[in-house]
Amino acid sequence: MAKLEAIQEKANAPDDVSNALEAPKFTKSQIVKSNKYMGRRDALNALLEADKSYSFTEVDGILKKFDKGGK
């Protein structure tokens, strides 16, 4: 019976699942130093905030918006 309760408890733990699915976030310094954004370092230094963390998706969106003429 305890095994069944343990299984049910794990099944009702959405926090663990949602945390596992979140994209990793990186500091401005880590992103600027990454090889992925080597050609965009100047723009990233100007656009990203030092005290914030960003996912690659967020950074790509910021760069795309910047390229279209917005900040």
N, C-alpha and C. Protein backbone atom coordinates (compact mmCIF):
# COMPACT_ATOMS: atom_id res chain seq x y z
N MET A 1 0.82 -1.19 0.00
CA MET A 1 0.00 0.00 0.00
C MET A 1 0.87 1.26 0.00
N ALA A 2 1.98 1.26 0.71
CA ALA A 2 2.86 2.42 0.77
C ALA A 2 3.46 2.71 -0.61
N LYS A 3 3.69 1.66 -1.39
CA LYS A 3 4.24 1.84 -2.73
C LYS A 3 3.24 2.57 -3.62
N LEU A 4 1.97 2.22 -3.51
CA LEU A 4 0.92 2.88 -4.27
C LEU A 4 0.81 4.36 -3.89
N GLU A 5 0.90 4.65 -2.60
CA GLU A 5 0.84 6.04 -2.13
C GLU A 5 2.03 6.85 -2.66
N ALA A 6 3.19 6.23 -2.69
CA ALA A 6 4.38 6.91 -3.20
C ALA A 6 4.23 7.23 -4.68
N ILE A 7 3.65 6.31 -5.43
CA ILE A 7 3.44 6.53 -6.86
C ILE A 7 2.43 7.65 -7.06
N GLN A 8 1.35 7.64 -6.30
CA GLN A 8 0.34 8.68 -6.42
C GLN A 8 0.90 10.05 -6.04
N GLU A 9 1.74 10.08 -5.03
CA GLU A 9 2.36 11.34 -4.60
C GLU A 9 3.25 11.90 -5.70
N LYS A 10 4.02 11.05 -6.35
CA LYS A 10 4.87 11.52 -7.45
C LYS A 10 4.04 11.99 -8.64
N ALA A 11 2.94 11.32 -8.88
CA ALA A 11 2.07 11.69 -9.99
C ALA A 11 1.41 13.06 -9.77
N ASN A 12 1.25 13.44 -8.54
CA ASN A 12 0.62 14.72 -8.21
C ASN A 12 1.64 15.81 -7.89
N ALA A 13 2.81 15.73 -8.48
CA ALA A 13 3.87 16.70 -8.21
C ALA A 13 4.18 17.50 -9.47
N PRO A 14 3.29 18.38 -9.91
CA PRO A 14 3.54 19.12 -11.15
C PRO A 14 4.70 20.10 -11.05
N ASP A 15 5.06 20.55 -9.85
CA ASP A 15 6.17 21.49 -9.71
C ASP A 15 7.48 20.88 -10.21
N ASP A 16 7.69 19.60 -9.91
CA ASP A 16 8.91 18.94 -10.35
C ASP A 16 8.97 18.87 -11.87
N VAL A 17 7.86 18.59 -12.48
CA VAL A 17 7.81 18.46 -13.93
C VAL A 17 8.00 19.82 -14.59
N SER A 18 7.33 20.84 -14.11
CA SER A 18 7.44 22.16 -14.74
C SER A 18 8.85 22.72 -14.58
N ASN A 19 9.48 22.48 -13.47
CA ASN A 19 10.85 22.96 -13.28
C ASN A 19 11.81 22.25 -14.22
N ALA A 20 11.57 20.98 -14.48
CA ALA A 20 12.44 20.22 -15.36
C ALA A 20 12.29 20.67 -16.81
N LEU A 21 11.14 21.21 -17.18
CA LEU A 21 10.89 21.60 -18.55
C LEU A 21 11.29 23.04 -18.85
N GLU A 22 11.63 23.81 -17.85
CA GLU A 22 12.04 25.19 -18.08
C GLU A 22 13.38 25.24 -18.80
N ALA A 23 13.49 26.19 -19.72
CA ALA A 23 14.75 26.36 -20.44
C ALA A 23 15.80 26.92 -19.48
N PRO A 24 17.04 26.49 -19.64
CA PRO A 24 18.09 27.04 -18.77
C PRO A 24 18.29 28.52 -19.06
N LYS A 25 18.67 29.26 -18.03
CA LYS A 25 18.90 30.70 -18.17
C LYS A 25 20.36 30.99 -17.86
N PHE A 26 20.86 32.02 -18.51
CA PHE A 26 22.27 32.38 -18.39
C PHE A 26 22.40 33.87 -18.12
N THR A 27 23.49 34.24 -17.46
CA THR A 27 23.75 35.65 -17.18
C THR A 27 24.21 36.36 -18.46
N LYS A 28 24.17 37.66 -18.42
CA LYS A 28 24.64 38.47 -19.55
C LYS A 28 26.08 38.09 -19.89
N SER A 29 26.90 37.97 -18.88
CA SER A 29 28.31 37.65 -19.09
C SER A 29 28.48 36.30 -19.79
N GLN A 30 27.72 35.31 -19.36
CA GLN A 30 27.82 33.99 -19.98
C GLN A 30 27.37 34.03 -21.44
N ILE A 31 26.31 34.76 -21.71
CA ILE A 31 25.80 34.84 -23.08
C ILE A 31 26.77 35.57 -23.99
N VAL A 32 27.30 36.69 -23.51
CA VAL A 32 28.23 37.48 -24.32
C VAL A 32 29.50 36.68 -24.63
N LYS A 33 29.93 35.84 -23.72
CA LYS A 33 31.14 35.04 -23.92
C LYS A 33 30.90 33.76 -24.72
N SER A 34 29.63 33.42 -24.96
CA SER A 34 29.33 32.15 -25.63
C SER A 34 29.70 32.20 -27.11
N ASN A 35 30.06 31.05 -27.63
CA ASN A 35 30.39 30.94 -29.05
C ASN A 35 29.16 31.15 -29.92
N LYS A 36 27.99 30.82 -29.41
CA LYS A 36 26.75 30.95 -30.16
C LYS A 36 26.52 32.38 -30.62
N TYR A 37 26.85 33.34 -29.78
CA TYR A 37 26.60 34.75 -30.08
C TYR A 37 27.89 35.53 -30.34
N MET A 38 28.91 34.86 -30.82
CA MET A 38 30.22 35.49 -31.01
C MET A 38 30.13 36.73 -31.90
N GLY A 39 29.35 36.68 -32.96
CA GLY A 39 29.26 37.81 -33.88
C GLY A 39 28.31 38.91 -33.43
N ARG A 40 27.65 38.72 -32.31
CA ARG A 40 26.65 39.69 -31.83
C ARG A 40 27.01 40.27 -30.46
N ARG A 41 28.24 40.14 -30.07
CA ARG A 41 28.66 40.55 -28.72
C ARG A 41 28.42 42.02 -28.44
N ASP A 42 28.72 42.88 -29.39
CA ASP A 42 28.52 44.32 -29.17
C ASP A 42 27.04 44.64 -28.93
N ALA A 43 26.18 44.07 -29.76
CA ALA A 43 24.74 44.30 -29.61
C ALA A 43 24.26 43.76 -28.27
N LEU A 44 24.70 42.57 -27.90
CA LEU A 44 24.26 41.97 -26.64
C LEU A 44 24.74 42.78 -25.44
N ASN A 45 25.94 43.30 -25.50
CA ASN A 45 26.43 44.13 -24.41
C ASN A 45 25.55 45.36 -24.22
N ALA A 46 25.02 45.88 -25.30
CA ALA A 46 24.18 47.07 -25.22
C ALA A 46 22.74 46.73 -24.83
N LEU A 47 22.25 45.57 -25.23
CA LEU A 47 20.84 45.23 -25.06
C LEU A 47 20.50 44.50 -23.77
N LEU A 48 21.40 43.67 -23.28
CA LEU A 48 21.09 42.84 -22.11
C LEU A 48 21.40 43.57 -20.81
N GLU A 49 20.61 43.28 -19.79
CA GLU A 49 20.82 43.87 -18.46
C GLU A 49 21.74 42.96 -17.65
N ALA A 50 22.66 43.54 -16.91
CA ALA A 50 23.66 42.78 -16.17
C ALA A 50 23.06 41.93 -15.05
N ASP A 51 21.98 42.38 -14.45
CA ASP A 51 21.44 41.67 -13.28
C ASP A 51 20.30 40.71 -13.64
N LYS A 52 20.14 40.40 -14.91
CA LYS A 52 19.07 39.52 -15.36
C LYS A 52 19.64 38.26 -15.98
N SER A 53 18.84 37.19 -15.97
CA SER A 53 19.21 35.95 -16.64
C SER A 53 18.29 35.76 -17.84
N TYR A 54 18.82 35.16 -18.89
CA TYR A 54 18.09 35.00 -20.15
C TYR A 54 18.22 33.58 -20.67
N SER A 55 17.15 33.10 -21.30
CA SER A 55 17.23 31.83 -22.04
C SER A 55 17.67 32.18 -23.46
N PHE A 56 18.11 31.18 -24.21
CA PHE A 56 18.50 31.42 -25.59
C PHE A 56 17.32 31.94 -26.41
N THR A 57 16.13 31.45 -26.12
CA THR A 57 14.94 31.91 -26.83
C THR A 57 14.71 33.40 -26.59
N GLU A 58 14.88 33.84 -25.34
CA GLU A 58 14.72 35.26 -25.02
C GLU A 58 15.77 36.10 -25.73
N VAL A 59 17.01 35.65 -25.73
CA VAL A 59 18.09 36.39 -26.39
C VAL A 59 17.83 36.48 -27.88
N ASP A 60 17.41 35.38 -28.48
CA ASP A 60 17.11 35.39 -29.91
C ASP A 60 15.99 36.39 -30.22
N GLY A 61 14.99 36.45 -29.36
CA GLY A 61 13.89 37.40 -29.54
C GLY A 61 14.35 38.84 -29.41
N ILE A 62 15.21 39.10 -28.46
CA ILE A 62 15.75 40.45 -28.26
C ILE A 62 16.56 40.88 -29.49
N LEU A 63 17.39 39.97 -30.00
CA LEU A 63 18.19 40.29 -31.18
C LEU A 63 17.31 40.48 -32.42
N LYS A 64 16.29 39.67 -32.55
CA LYS A 64 15.38 39.78 -33.70
C LYS A 64 14.66 41.13 -33.67
N LYS A 65 14.18 41.52 -32.50
CA LYS A 65 13.51 42.81 -32.34
C LYS A 65 14.47 43.96 -32.65
N PHE A 66 15.70 43.84 -32.17
CA PHE A 66 16.73 44.86 -32.42
C PHE A 66 17.01 44.97 -33.91
N ASP A 67 17.10 43.84 -34.60
CA ASP A 67 17.39 43.84 -36.03
C ASP A 67 16.27 44.49 -36.83
N LYS A 68 15.06 44.44 -36.31
CA LYS A 68 13.91 45.05 -36.98
C LYS A 68 13.80 46.54 -36.67
N GLY A 69 14.67 47.06 -35.81
CA GLY A 69 14.68 48.48 -35.54
C GLY A 69 14.12 48.88 -34.18
N GLY A 70 13.76 47.94 -33.35
CA GLY A 70 13.26 48.26 -32.02
C GLY A 70 14.25 47.85 -30.96
N LYS A 71 14.05 48.38 -29.76
CA LYS A 71 14.95 47.96 -28.68
C LYS A 71 14.24 47.13 -27.68
